[in-house]
């Protein structure tokens, strides 16, 4: 009985029912699409960041602590022979991190 009344109301208001179903389906599809697109953009950004910043990995001096700027001066030395061989083959490059001051004017 209740199903018959609901079906009669839906069929009686054809255009309004069709528009409600269409807008609801379109909104649901759009929400799923945007969610998937943002997730894909986030994954791509993480991959690009890893590729550009650390590529195949990083070798840090044993005394280097990126969170302690007071150890910058003590955390440098000549690269070990294995790392120097990679530098010579252009498969790695050394980066010297040191403190600096910028004065205006």
PDB file of N, CA and C in Angstrom:
ATOM      1  N   UNK A   1       0.818  -1.190   0.000  1.00  0.00           N
ATOM      2  CA  UNK A   1       0.000   0.000   0.000  1.00  0.00           C
ATOM      3  C   UNK A   1       0.872   1.269   0.000  1.00  0.00           C
ATOM      4  N   UNK A   2       1.846   1.300   0.905  1.00  0.00           N
ATOM      5  CA  UNK A   2       2.721   2.463   0.977  1.00  0.00           C
ATOM      6  C   UNK A   2       3.557   2.602  -0.296  1.00  0.00           C
ATOM      7  N   UNK A   3       3.994   1.461  -0.837  1.00  0.00           N
ATOM      8  CA  UNK A   3       4.769   1.486  -2.079  1.00  0.00           C
ATOM      9  C   UNK A   3       3.933   2.031  -3.233  1.00  0.00           C
ATOM     10  N   UNK A   4       2.659   1.660  -3.280  1.00  0.00           N
ATOM     11  CA  UNK A   4       1.783   2.145  -4.359  1.00  0.00           C
ATOM     12  C   UNK A   4       1.595   3.658  -4.284  1.00  0.00           C
ATOM     13  N   UNK A   5       1.456   4.179  -3.068  1.00  0.00           N
ATOM     14  CA  UNK A   5       1.285   5.629  -2.906  1.00  0.00           C
ATOM     15  C   UNK A   5       2.570   6.363  -3.319  1.00  0.00           C
ATOM     16  N   UNK A   6       3.723   5.821  -2.910  1.00  0.00           N
ATOM     17  CA  UNK A   6       4.995   6.448  -3.281  1.00  0.00           C
ATOM     18  C   UNK A   6       5.194   6.412  -4.783  1.00  0.00           C
ATOM     19  N   UNK A   7       4.878   5.284  -5.409  1.00  0.00           N
ATOM     20  CA  UNK A   7       5.022   5.171  -6.864  1.00  0.00           C
ATOM     21  C   UNK A   7       4.068   6.123  -7.581  1.00  0.00           C
ATOM     22  N   UNK A   8       2.860   6.254  -7.074  1.00  0.00           N
ATOM     23  CA  UNK A   8       1.882   7.169  -7.679  1.00  0.00           C
ATOM     24  C   UNK A   8       2.373   8.620  -7.581  1.00  0.00           C
ATOM     25  N   UNK A   9       2.950   8.992  -6.429  1.00  0.00           N
ATOM     26  CA  UNK A   9       3.473  10.355  -6.268  1.00  0.00           C
ATOM     27  C   UNK A   9       4.665  10.607  -7.194  1.00  0.00           C
ATOM     28  N   UNK A  10       5.548   9.606  -7.331  1.00  0.00           N
ATOM     29  CA  UNK A  10       6.701   9.767  -8.219  1.00  0.00           C
ATOM     30  C   UNK A  10       6.278   9.893  -9.672  1.00  0.00           C
ATOM     31  N   UNK A  11       5.342   9.077 -10.087  1.00  0.00           N
ATOM     32  CA  UNK A  11       4.889   9.127 -11.478  1.00  0.00           C
ATOM     33  C   UNK A  11       4.032  10.353 -11.752  1.00  0.00           C
ATOM     34  N   UNK A  12       3.390  10.884 -10.722  1.00  0.00           N
ATOM     35  CA  UNK A  12       2.562  12.073 -10.897  1.00  0.00           C
ATOM     36  C   UNK A  12       3.404  13.319 -11.120  1.00  0.00           C
ATOM     37  N   UNK A  13       4.553  13.387 -10.487  1.00  0.00           N
ATOM     38  CA  UNK A  13       5.433  14.550 -10.627  1.00  0.00           C
ATOM     39  C   UNK A  13       6.646  14.127 -11.447  1.00  0.00           C
ATOM     40  N   UNK A  14       6.427  13.842 -12.691  1.00  0.00           N
ATOM     41  CA  UNK A  14       7.474  13.271 -13.547  1.00  0.00           C
ATOM     42  C   UNK A  14       8.692  14.180 -13.694  1.00  0.00           C
ATOM     43  N   UNK A  15       8.486  15.398 -14.086  1.00  0.00           N
ATOM     44  CA  UNK A  15       9.609  16.297 -14.343  1.00  0.00           C
ATOM     45  C   UNK A  15      10.398  16.580 -13.068  1.00  0.00           C
ATOM     46  N   UNK A  16       9.683  16.866 -12.002  1.00  0.00           N
ATOM     47  CA  UNK A  16      10.357  17.157 -10.738  1.00  0.00           C
ATOM     48  C   UNK A  16      11.146  15.938 -10.247  1.00  0.00           C
ATOM     49  N   UNK A  17      10.571  14.751 -10.360  1.00  0.00           N
ATOM     50  CA  UNK A  17      11.258  13.523  -9.951  1.00  0.00           C
ATOM     51  C   UNK A  17      12.492  13.294 -10.810  1.00  0.00           C
ATOM     52  N   UNK A  18      12.330  13.467 -12.114  1.00  0.00           N
ATOM     53  CA  UNK A  18      13.457  13.272 -13.026  1.00  0.00           C
ATOM     54  C   UNK A  18      14.585  14.254 -12.718  1.00  0.00           C
ATOM     55  N   UNK A  19      14.246  15.509 -12.473  1.00  0.00           N
ATOM     56  CA  UNK A  19      15.265  16.510 -12.162  1.00  0.00           C
ATOM     57  C   UNK A  19      15.960  16.214 -10.832  1.00  0.00           C
ATOM     58  N   UNK A  20      15.197  15.790  -9.828  1.00  0.00           N
ATOM     59  CA  UNK A  20      15.803  15.450  -8.537  1.00  0.00           C
ATOM     60  C   UNK A  20      16.772  14.282  -8.671  1.00  0.00           C
ATOM     61  N   UNK A  21      16.373  13.254  -9.392  1.00  0.00           N
ATOM     62  CA  UNK A  21      17.244  12.092  -9.589  1.00  0.00           C
ATOM     63  C   UNK A  21      18.476  12.499 -10.389  1.00  0.00           C
ATOM     64  N   UNK A  22      18.298  13.284 -11.429  1.00  0.00           N
ATOM     65  CA  UNK A  22      19.410  13.713 -12.267  1.00  0.00           C
ATOM     66  C   UNK A  22      20.414  14.565 -11.476  1.00  0.00           C
ATOM     67  N   UNK A  23      19.927  15.528 -10.726  1.00  0.00           N
ATOM     68  CA  UNK A  23      20.815  16.400  -9.952  1.00  0.00           C
ATOM     69  C   UNK A  23      21.528  15.610  -8.859  1.00  0.00           C
ATOM     70  N   UNK A  24      20.817  14.703  -8.204  1.00  0.00           N
ATOM     71  CA  UNK A  24      21.442  13.886  -7.159  1.00  0.00           C
ATOM     72  C   UNK A  24      22.526  12.990  -7.745  1.00  0.00           C
ATOM     73  N   UNK A  25      22.259  12.350  -8.866  1.00  0.00           N
ATOM     74  CA  UNK A  25      23.250  11.480  -9.500  1.00  0.00           C
ATOM     75  C   UNK A  25      24.454  12.291  -9.981  1.00  0.00           C
ATOM     76  N   UNK A  26      24.200  13.443 -10.575  1.00  0.00           N
ATOM     77  CA  UNK A  26      25.292  14.286 -11.048  1.00  0.00           C
ATOM     78  C   UNK A  26      26.159  14.771  -9.880  1.00  0.00           C
ATOM     79  N   UNK A  27      25.517  15.181  -8.795  1.00  0.00           N
ATOM     80  CA  UNK A  27      26.268  15.642  -7.620  1.00  0.00           C
ATOM     81  C   UNK A  27      27.113  14.519  -7.036  1.00  0.00           C
ATOM     82  N   UNK A  28      26.551  13.325  -6.949  1.00  0.00           N
ATOM     83  CA  UNK A  28      27.288  12.177  -6.418  1.00  0.00           C
ATOM     84  C   UNK A  28      28.489  11.863  -7.302  1.00  0.00           C
ATOM     85  N   UNK A  29      28.285  11.860  -8.612  1.00  0.00           N
ATOM     86  CA  UNK A  29      29.386  11.607  -9.542  1.00  0.00           C
ATOM     87  C   UNK A  29      30.457  12.682  -9.425  1.00  0.00           C
ATOM     88  N   UNK A  30      30.058  13.930  -9.316  1.00  0.00           N
ATOM     89  CA  UNK A  30      31.010  15.033  -9.217  1.00  0.00           C
ATOM     90  C   UNK A  30      31.819  14.954  -7.920  1.00  0.00           C
ATOM     91  N   UNK A  31      31.172  14.583  -6.825  1.00  0.00           N
ATOM     92  CA  UNK A  31      31.889  14.436  -5.553  1.00  0.00           C
ATOM     93  C   UNK A  31      32.918  13.326  -5.659  1.00  0.00           C
ATOM     94  N   UNK A  32      32.560  12.195  -6.231  1.00  0.00           N
ATOM     95  CA  UNK A  32      33.506  11.092  -6.404  1.00  0.00           C
ATOM     96  C   UNK A  32      34.658  11.489  -7.326  1.00  0.00           C
ATOM     97  N   UNK A  33      34.343  12.164  -8.414  1.00  0.00           N
ATOM     98  CA  UNK A  33      35.374  12.585  -9.363  1.00  0.00           C
ATOM     99  C   UNK A  33      36.365  13.546  -8.715  1.00  0.00           C
ATOM    100  N   UNK A  34      35.858  14.548  -8.001  1.00  0.00           N
ATOM    101  CA  UNK A  34      36.749  15.529  -7.378  1.00  0.00           C
ATOM    102  C   UNK A  34      37.594  14.887  -6.280  1.00  0.00           C
ATOM    103  N   UNK A  35      37.002  13.985  -5.527  1.00  0.00           N
ATOM    104  CA  UNK A  35      37.760  13.294  -4.484  1.00  0.00           C
ATOM    105  C   UNK A  35      38.895  12.472  -5.093  1.00  0.00           C
ATOM    106  N   UNK A  36      38.609  11.760  -6.166  1.00  0.00           N
ATOM    107  CA  UNK A  36      39.639  10.961  -6.834  1.00  0.00           C
ATOM    108  C   UNK A  36      40.704  11.856  -7.462  1.00  0.00           C
ATOM    109  N   UNK A  37      40.289  12.978  -8.030  1.00  0.00           N
ATOM    110  CA  UNK A  37      41.251  13.879  -8.652  1.00  0.00           C
ATOM    111  C   UNK A  37      42.193  14.483  -7.601  1.00  0.00           C
ATOM    112  N   UNK A  38      41.646  14.917  -6.466  1.00  0.00           N
ATOM    113  CA  UNK A  38      42.494  15.467  -5.404  1.00  0.00           C
ATOM    114  C   UNK A  38      43.436  14.412  -4.849  1.00  0.00           C
ATOM    115  N   UNK A  39      42.962  13.181  -4.710  1.00  0.00           N
ATOM    116  CA  UNK A  39      43.823  12.105  -4.229  1.00  0.00           C
ATOM    117  C   UNK A  39      44.954  11.841  -5.223  1.00  0.00           C
ATOM    118  N   UNK A  40      44.642  11.844  -6.507  1.00  0.00           N
ATOM    119  CA  UNK A  40      45.669  11.659  -7.527  1.00  0.00           C
ATOM    120  C   UNK A  40      46.673  12.795  -7.545  1.00  0.00           C
ATOM    121  N   UNK A  41      46.192  14.029  -7.371  1.00  0.00           N
ATOM    122  CA  UNK A  41      47.099  15.175  -7.323  1.00  0.00           C
ATOM    123  C   UNK A  41      48.030  15.081  -6.119  1.00  0.00           C
ATOM    124  N   UNK A  42      47.504  14.635  -4.983  1.00  0.00           N
ATOM    125  CA  UNK A  42      48.327  14.494  -3.785  1.00  0.00           C
ATOM    126  C   UNK A  42      49.396  13.427  -3.982  1.00  0.00           C
ATOM    127  N   UNK A  43      49.026  12.292  -4.554  1.00  0.00           N
ATOM    128  CA  UNK A  43      50.006  11.236  -4.811  1.00  0.00           C
ATOM    129  C   UNK A  43      51.078  11.705  -5.796  1.00  0.00           C
ATOM    130  N   UNK A  44      50.669  12.423  -6.833  1.00  0.00           N
ATOM    131  CA  UNK A  44      51.632  12.929  -7.815  1.00  0.00           C
ATOM    132  C   UNK A  44      52.587  13.939  -7.168  1.00  0.00           C
ATOM    133  N   UNK A  45      52.055  14.831  -6.342  1.00  0.00           N
ATOM    134  CA  UNK A  45      52.901  15.824  -5.679  1.00  0.00           C
ATOM    135  C   UNK A  45      53.903  15.151  -4.742  1.00  0.00           C
ATOM    136  N   UNK A  46      53.475  14.115  -4.027  1.00  0.00           N
ATOM    137  CA  UNK A  46      54.407  13.401  -3.154  1.00  0.00           C
ATOM    138  C   UNK A  46      55.495  12.719  -3.964  1.00  0.00           C
ATOM    139  N   UNK A  47      55.128  12.125  -5.101  1.00  0.00           N
ATOM    140  CA  UNK A  47      56.118  11.440  -5.931  1.00  0.00           C
ATOM    141  C   UNK A  47      57.110  12.428  -6.536  1.00  0.00           C
ATOM    142  N   UNK A  48      56.626  13.565  -7.010  1.00  0.00           N
ATOM    143  CA  UNK A  48      57.514  14.577  -7.588  1.00  0.00           C
ATOM    144  C   UNK A  48      58.454  15.129  -6.519  1.00  0.00           C
ATOM    145  N   UNK A  49      57.945  15.339  -5.314  1.00  0.00           N
ATOM    146  CA  UNK A  49      58.790  15.820  -4.224  1.00  0.00           C
ATOM    147  C   UNK A  49      59.892  14.821  -3.910  1.00  0.00           C
ATOM    148  N   UNK A  50      59.551  13.549  -3.846  1.00  0.00           N
ATOM    149  CA  UNK A  50      60.574  12.533  -3.580  1.00  0.00           C
ATOM    150  C   UNK A  50      61.586  12.469  -4.716  1.00  0.00           C
ATOM    151  N   UNK A  51      61.121  12.548  -5.953  1.00  0.00           N
ATOM    152  CA  UNK A  51      62.033  12.468  -7.099  1.00  0.00           C
ATOM    153  C   UNK A  51      62.990  13.652  -7.160  1.00  0.00           C
ATOM    154  N   UNK A  52      62.512  14.850  -6.826  1.00  0.00           N
ATOM    155  CA  UNK A  52      63.358  16.033  -6.962  1.00  0.00           C
ATOM    156  C   UNK A  52      64.229  16.293  -5.747  1.00  0.00           C
ATOM    157  N   UNK A  53      63.765  15.924  -4.561  1.00  0.00           N
ATOM    158  CA  UNK A  53      64.534  16.265  -3.366  1.00  0.00           C
ATOM    159  C   UNK A  53      65.509  15.183  -2.944  1.00  0.00           C
ATOM    160  N   UNK A  54      65.107  13.909  -3.017  1.00  0.00           N
ATOM    161  CA  UNK A  54      66.029  12.871  -2.559  1.00  0.00           C
ATOM    162  C   UNK A  54      66.339  11.839  -3.622  1.00  0.00           C
ATOM    163  N   UNK A  55      65.640  11.854  -4.730  1.00  0.00           N
ATOM    164  CA  UNK A  55      65.882  10.951  -5.863  1.00  0.00           C
ATOM    165  C   UNK A  55      66.097   9.523  -5.391  1.00  0.00           C
ATOM    166  N   UNK A  56      67.314   9.014  -5.493  1.00  0.00           N
ATOM    167  CA  UNK A  56      67.583   7.635  -5.112  1.00  0.00           C
ATOM    168  C   UNK A  56      67.999   7.477  -3.667  1.00  0.00           C
ATOM    169  N   UNK A  57      68.010   8.537  -2.899  1.00  0.00           N
ATOM    170  CA  UNK A  57      68.414   8.463  -1.503  1.00  0.00           C
ATOM    171  C   UNK A  57      69.339   9.601  -1.145  1.00  0.00           C
ATOM    172  N   UNK A  58      69.739   9.637   0.081  1.00  0.00           N
ATOM    173  CA  UNK A  58      70.624  10.702   0.555  1.00  0.00           C
ATOM    174  C   UNK A  58      71.631  10.112   1.528  1.00  0.00           C
ATOM    175  N   UNK A  59      72.850  10.604   1.460  1.00  0.00           N
ATOM    176  CA  UNK A  59      73.911  10.202   2.379  1.00  0.00           C
ATOM    177  C   UNK A  59      74.262  11.423   3.207  1.00  0.00           C
ATOM    178  N   UNK A  60      74.047  11.349   4.509  1.00  0.00           N
ATOM    179  CA  UNK A  60      74.336  12.469   5.393  1.00  0.00           C
ATOM    180  C   UNK A  60      75.547  12.158   6.248  1.00  0.00           C
ATOM    181  N   UNK A  61      76.281  13.195   6.576  1.00  0.00           N
ATOM    182  CA  UNK A  61      77.402  13.068   7.508  1.00  0.00           C
ATOM    183  C   UNK A  61      76.857  12.541   8.842  1.00  0.00           C
ATOM    184  N   UNK A  62      77.593  11.658   9.506  1.00  0.00           N
ATOM    185  CA  UNK A  62      77.084  11.084  10.762  1.00  0.00           C
ATOM    186  C   UNK A  62      76.770  12.117  11.848  1.00  0.00           C
ATOM    187  N   UNK A  63      77.440  13.251  11.845  1.00  0.00           N
ATOM    188  CA  UNK A  63      77.200  14.265  12.873  1.00  0.00           C
ATOM    189  C   UNK A  63      76.170  15.314  12.452  1.00  0.00           C
ATOM    190  N   UNK A  64      75.601  15.189  11.259  1.00  0.00           N
ATOM    191  CA  UNK A  64      74.649  16.183  10.761  1.00  0.00           C
ATOM    192  C   UNK A  64      73.271  15.923  11.349  1.00  0.00           C
ATOM    193  N   UNK A  65      72.676  16.961  11.918  1.00  0.00           N
ATOM    194  CA  UNK A  65      71.310  16.903  12.428  1.00  0.00           C
ATOM    195  C   UNK A  65      70.553  18.076  11.817  1.00  0.00           C
ATOM    196  N   UNK A  66      69.610  17.824  10.914  1.00  0.00           N
ATOM    197  CA  UNK A  66      68.928  18.943  10.253  1.00  0.00           C
ATOM    198  C   UNK A  66      68.094  19.794  11.206  1.00  0.00           C
ATOM    199  N   UNK A  67      67.780  19.281  12.383  1.00  0.00           N
ATOM    200  CA  UNK A  67      66.976  20.038  13.336  1.00  0.00           C
ATOM    201  C   UNK A  67      67.821  20.829  14.338  1.00  0.00           C
ATOM    202  N   UNK A  68      69.139  20.685  14.273  1.00  0.00           N
ATOM    203  CA  UNK A  68      70.023  21.389  15.199  1.00  0.00           C
ATOM    204  C   UNK A  68      71.006  22.252  14.405  1.00  0.00           C
ATOM    205  N   UNK A  69      70.749  23.546  14.249  1.00  0.00           N
ATOM    206  CA  UNK A  69      71.637  24.389  13.438  1.00  0.00           C
ATOM    207  C   UNK A  69      73.010  24.603  14.061  1.00  0.00           C
ATOM    208  N   UNK A  70      73.194  24.276  15.320  1.00  0.00           N
ATOM    209  CA  UNK A  70      74.496  24.458  15.952  1.00  0.00           C
ATOM    210  C   UNK A  70      75.502  23.401  15.519  1.00  0.00           C
ATOM    211  N   UNK A  71      75.037  22.314  14.922  1.00  0.00           N
ATOM    212  CA  UNK A  71      75.954  21.251  14.490  1.00  0.00           C
ATOM    213  C   UNK A  71      76.357  21.387  13.029  1.00  0.00           C
ATOM    214  N   UNK A  72      75.882  22.423  12.333  1.00  0.00           N
ATOM    215  CA  UNK A  72      76.218  22.578  10.912  1.00  0.00           C
ATOM    216  C   UNK A  72      77.723  22.697  10.694  1.00  0.00           C
ATOM    217  N   UNK A  73      78.385  23.466  11.529  1.00  0.00           N
ATOM    218  CA  UNK A  73      79.818  23.716  11.337  1.00  0.00           C
ATOM    219  C   UNK A  73      80.663  22.464  11.555  1.00  0.00           C
ATOM    220  N   UNK A  74      80.215  21.568  12.426  1.00  0.00           N
ATOM    221  CA  UNK A  74      80.992  20.360  12.729  1.00  0.00           C
ATOM    222  C   UNK A  74      80.648  19.189  11.818  1.00  0.00           C
ATOM    223  N   UNK A  75      79.593  19.303  11.050  1.00  0.00           N
ATOM    224  CA  UNK A  75      79.105  18.166  10.267  1.00  0.00           C
ATOM    225  C   UNK A  75      79.511  18.285   8.806  1.00  0.00           C
ATOM    226  N   UNK A  76      80.795  18.427   8.542  1.00  0.00           N
ATOM    227  CA  UNK A  76      81.276  18.420   7.160  1.00  0.00           C
ATOM    228  C   UNK A  76      82.636  17.732   7.112  1.00  0.00           C
ATOM    229  N   UNK A  77      82.871  17.071   6.006  1.00  0.00           N
ATOM    230  CA  UNK A  77      84.157  16.396   5.799  1.00  0.00           C
ATOM    231  C   UNK A  77      84.244  16.001   4.332  1.00  0.00           C
ATOM    232  N   UNK A  78      85.340  15.403   3.967  1.00  0.00           N
ATOM    233  CA  UNK A  78      85.522  14.898   2.606  1.00  0.00           C
ATOM    234  C   UNK A  78      84.626  13.665   2.447  1.00  0.00           C
ATOM    235  N   UNK A  79      83.914  13.539   1.327  1.00  0.00           N
ATOM    236  CA  UNK A  79      83.058  12.359   1.146  1.00  0.00           C
ATOM    237  C   UNK A  79      83.880  11.066   1.147  1.00  0.00           C
ATOM    238  N   UNK A  80      83.312   9.983   1.662  1.00  0.00           N
ATOM    239  CA  UNK A  80      84.013   8.696   1.625  1.00  0.00           C
ATOM    240  C   UNK A  80      84.293   8.261   0.188  1.00  0.00           C
ATOM    241  N   UNK A  81      85.185   7.305   0.033  1.00  0.00           N
ATOM    242  CA  UNK A  81      85.610   6.871  -1.307  1.00  0.00           C
ATOM    243  C   UNK A  81      84.442   6.350  -2.138  1.00  0.00           C
ATOM    244  N   UNK A  82      83.535   5.609  -1.519  1.00  0.00           N
ATOM    245  CA  UNK A  82      82.394   5.061  -2.270  1.00  0.00           C
ATOM    246  C   UNK A  82      81.490   6.177  -2.786  1.00  0.00           C
ATOM    247  N   UNK A  83      81.257   7.179  -1.960  1.00  0.00           N
ATOM    248  CA  UNK A  83      80.420   8.307  -2.378  1.00  0.00           C
ATOM    249  C   UNK A  83      81.158   9.154  -3.405  1.00  0.00           C
ATOM    250  N   UNK A  84      82.446   9.342  -3.227  1.00  0.00           N
ATOM    251  CA  UNK A  84      83.232  10.121  -4.188  1.00  0.00           C
ATOM    252  C   UNK A  84      83.243   9.451  -5.556  1.00  0.00           C
ATOM    253  N   UNK A  85      83.247   8.117  -5.584  1.00  0.00           N
ATOM    254  CA  UNK A  85      83.185   7.405  -6.864  1.00  0.00           C
ATOM    255  C   UNK A  85      81.863   7.686  -7.570  1.00  0.00           C
ATOM    256  N   UNK A  86      80.772   7.745  -6.810  1.00  0.00           N
ATOM    257  CA  UNK A  86      79.474   8.081  -7.408  1.00  0.00           C
ATOM    258  C   UNK A  86      79.458   9.518  -7.912  1.00  0.00           C
ATOM    259  N   UNK A  87      80.106  10.415  -7.197  1.00  0.00           N
ATOM    260  CA  UNK A  87      80.189  11.814  -7.637  1.00  0.00           C
ATOM    261  C   UNK A  87      80.979  11.903  -8.931  1.00  0.00           C
ATOM    262  N   UNK A  88      82.073  11.161  -9.021  1.00  0.00           N
ATOM    263  CA  UNK A  88      82.891  11.176 -10.236  1.00  0.00           C
ATOM    264  C   UNK A  88      82.141  10.611 -11.440  1.00  0.00           C
ATOM    265  N   UNK A  89      81.242   9.654 -11.199  1.00  0.00           N
ATOM    266  CA  UNK A  89      80.448   9.054 -12.280  1.00  0.00           C
ATOM    267  C   UNK A  89      79.195   9.865 -12.593  1.00  0.00           C
ATOM    268  N   UNK A  90      79.025  11.002 -11.939  1.00  0.00           N
ATOM    269  CA  UNK A  90      77.856  11.881 -12.116  1.00  0.00           C
ATOM    270  C   UNK A  90      76.550  11.201 -11.707  1.00  0.00           C
ATOM    271  N   UNK A  91      76.626  10.268 -10.763  1.00  0.00           N
ATOM    272  CA  UNK A  91      75.429   9.612 -10.239  1.00  0.00           C
ATOM    273  C   UNK A  91      75.010  10.213  -8.902  1.00  0.00           C
ATOM    274  N   UNK A  92      75.823  11.093  -8.358  1.00  0.00           N
ATOM    275  CA  UNK A  92      75.529  11.776  -7.101  1.00  0.00           C
ATOM    276  C   UNK A  92      76.214  13.134  -7.131  1.00  0.00           C
ATOM    277  N   UNK A  93      75.810  14.008  -6.236  1.00  0.00           N
ATOM    278  CA  UNK A  93      76.488  15.297  -6.134  1.00  0.00           C
ATOM    279  C   UNK A  93      76.518  15.728  -4.669  1.00  0.00           C
ATOM    280  N   UNK A  94      77.625  16.304  -4.255  1.00  0.00           N
ATOM    281  CA  UNK A  94      77.738  16.735  -2.858  1.00  0.00           C
ATOM    282  C   UNK A  94      77.048  18.082  -2.640  1.00  0.00           C
ATOM    283  N   UNK A  95      76.490  18.244  -1.451  1.00  0.00           N
ATOM    284  CA  UNK A  95      75.853  19.502  -1.070  1.00  0.00           C
ATOM    285  C   UNK A  95      76.455  19.940   0.256  1.00  0.00           C
ATOM    286  N   UNK A  96      76.989  21.140   0.288  1.00  0.00           N
ATOM    287  CA  UNK A  96      77.557  21.682   1.519  1.00  0.00           C
ATOM    288  C   UNK A  96      76.510  22.573   2.173  1.00  0.00           C
ATOM    289  N   UNK A  97      76.131  22.230   3.379  1.00  0.00           N
ATOM    290  CA  UNK A  97      75.176  23.032   4.138  1.00  0.00           C
ATOM    291  C   UNK A  97      75.966  23.797   5.183  1.00  0.00           C
ATOM    292  N   UNK A  98      75.869  25.113   5.139  1.00  0.00           N
ATOM    293  CA  UNK A  98      76.581  25.925   6.129  1.00  0.00           C
ATOM    294  C   UNK A  98      75.717  27.106   6.529  1.00  0.00           C
ATOM    295  N   UNK A  99      76.023  27.629   7.705  1.00  0.00           N
ATOM    296  CA  UNK A  99      75.289  28.788   8.177  1.00  0.00           C
ATOM    297  C   UNK A  99      75.722  30.022   7.404  1.00  0.00           C
ATOM    298  N   UNK A 100      74.800  30.941   7.262  1.00  0.00           N
ATOM    299  CA  UNK A 100      75.111  32.194   6.587  1.00  0.00           C
ATOM    300  C   UNK A 100      74.217  33.287   7.156  1.00  0.00           C
ATOM    301  N   UNK A 101      74.630  34.500   6.955  1.00  0.00           N
ATOM    302  CA  UNK A 101      73.839  35.648   7.384  1.00  0.00           C
ATOM    303  C   UNK A 101      73.661  36.575   6.200  1.00  0.00           C
ATOM    304  N   UNK A 102      72.482  37.110   6.085  1.00  0.00           N
ATOM    305  CA  UNK A 102      72.196  38.069   5.018  1.00  0.00           C
ATOM    306  C   UNK A 102      71.893  39.405   5.683  1.00  0.00           C
ATOM    307  N   UNK A 103      72.652  40.421   5.292  1.00  0.00           N
ATOM    308  CA  UNK A 103      72.443  41.750   5.838  1.00  0.00           C
ATOM    309  C   UNK A 103      71.902  42.657   4.741  1.00  0.00           C
ATOM    310  N   UNK A 104      70.846  43.400   5.022  1.00  0.00           N
ATOM    311  CA  UNK A 104      70.290  44.285   3.994  1.00  0.00           C
ATOM    312  C   UNK A 104      71.207  45.473   3.738  1.00  0.00           C
ATOM    313  N   UNK A 105      71.083  46.008   2.543  1.00  0.00           N
ATOM    314  CA  UNK A 105      71.800  47.236   2.243  1.00  0.00           C
ATOM    315  C   UNK A 105      73.006  46.956   1.490  1.00  0.00           C
TER     316      UNK A 105
END
